[in-house]
Amino acid sequence: MAHQPRGFEYAVVGNDVLITHNGRRASTLRHAAARQFLADLEYDDPQELMARITGNYKRGNERVAKNHPRNRLR
């Protein structure tokens, strides 16, 4: 089972959408991107959508990749 994103919130300020993660600003969407985000909320899980937009999500392979011989310090 994959890790589900959480801790994301968004606020609409004028024509912009501010996305925060655990209380810290993660991204600001403006104009067309903000309108598209608000439209996509109807069809997607809001937490997963905000994680994809901000690039703040785990892929599940971080621990394995860290231990790979190619990534170790010599």
Protein backbone atom coordinates (compact mmCIF):
# COMPACT_ATOMS: atom_id res chain seq x y z
CA MET A 1 0.00 0.00 0.00
CA ALA A 2 1.37 3.42 -0.95
CA HIS A 3 1.82 6.26 1.49
CA GLN A 4 -1.11 8.66 1.24
CA PRO A 5 -0.19 12.36 1.15
CA ARG A 6 -1.57 14.53 3.91
CA GLY A 7 -1.00 17.89 5.53
CA PHE A 8 -1.80 19.94 2.44
CA GLU A 9 -4.18 22.88 2.53
CA TYR A 10 -5.09 25.53 0.01
CA ALA A 11 -6.54 29.03 0.16
CA VAL A 12 -7.99 31.12 -2.63
CA VAL A 13 -6.66 34.69 -2.49
CA GLY A 14 -8.02 36.84 -5.29
CA ASN A 15 -7.11 35.04 -8.53
CA ASP A 16 -4.36 32.98 -6.88
CA VAL A 17 -4.35 29.69 -4.99
CA LEU A 18 -1.83 29.30 -2.17
CA ILE A 19 -0.92 25.70 -1.31
CA THR A 20 0.67 24.97 2.05
CA HIS A 21 2.11 21.77 3.45
CA ASN A 22 2.19 21.43 7.25
CA GLY A 23 1.72 25.18 7.58
CA ARG A 24 4.53 26.20 5.22
CA ARG A 25 3.96 27.65 1.76
CA ALA A 26 4.64 25.00 -0.87
CA SER A 27 3.35 26.62 -4.05
CA THR A 28 1.39 29.53 -5.49
CA LEU A 29 -0.81 28.96 -8.52
CA ARG A 30 -1.77 31.97 -10.60
CA HIS A 31 -4.33 32.70 -13.31
CA ALA A 32 -5.00 29.69 -15.58
CA ALA A 33 -3.13 27.25 -13.33
CA ALA A 34 -5.25 28.32 -10.36
CA ARG A 35 -8.48 27.93 -12.36
CA GLN A 36 -7.39 24.48 -13.59
CA PHE A 37 -6.51 23.40 -10.04
CA LEU A 38 -9.93 24.44 -8.72
CA ALA A 39 -11.65 22.59 -11.57
CA ASP A 40 -9.54 19.44 -10.97
CA LEU A 41 -10.56 19.36 -7.30
CA GLU A 42 -13.97 18.05 -8.36
CA TYR A 43 -12.46 14.88 -9.86
CA ASP A 44 -9.24 14.17 -7.92
CA ASP A 45 -8.38 13.61 -4.27
CA PRO A 46 -7.32 17.07 -3.05
CA GLN A 47 -4.33 15.76 -1.05
CA GLU A 48 -2.94 13.75 -3.96
CA LEU A 49 -3.54 16.60 -6.40
CA MET A 50 -1.68 19.11 -4.21
CA ALA A 51 1.17 16.62 -3.67
CA ARG A 52 1.56 16.17 -7.43
CA ILE A 53 1.46 19.90 -8.11
CA THR A 54 4.04 20.76 -5.47
CA GLY A 55 6.26 17.75 -6.21
CA ASN A 56 6.12 16.95 -2.51
CA TYR A 57 5.36 13.26 -2.44
CA LYS A 58 7.25 10.07 -1.70
CA ARG A 59 7.90 7.55 -4.41
CA GLY A 60 8.55 4.68 -2.01
CA ASN A 61 12.11 3.99 -3.09
CA GLU A 62 14.08 6.58 -1.10
CA ARG A 63 15.47 4.16 1.50
CA VAL A 64 16.41 1.54 -1.09
CA ALA A 65 18.07 4.09 -3.37
CA LYS A 66 20.09 5.56 -0.50
CA ASN A 67 21.67 2.16 0.16
CA HIS A 68 22.47 1.35 -3.47
CA PRO A 69 26.25 1.00 -4.05
CA ARG A 70 26.18 3.70 -6.74
CA ASN A 71 24.85 6.24 -4.21
CA ARG A 72 27.18 5.45 -1.29
CA LEU A 73 30.09 7.67 -0.42
CA ARG A 74 33.42 6.07 -1.22
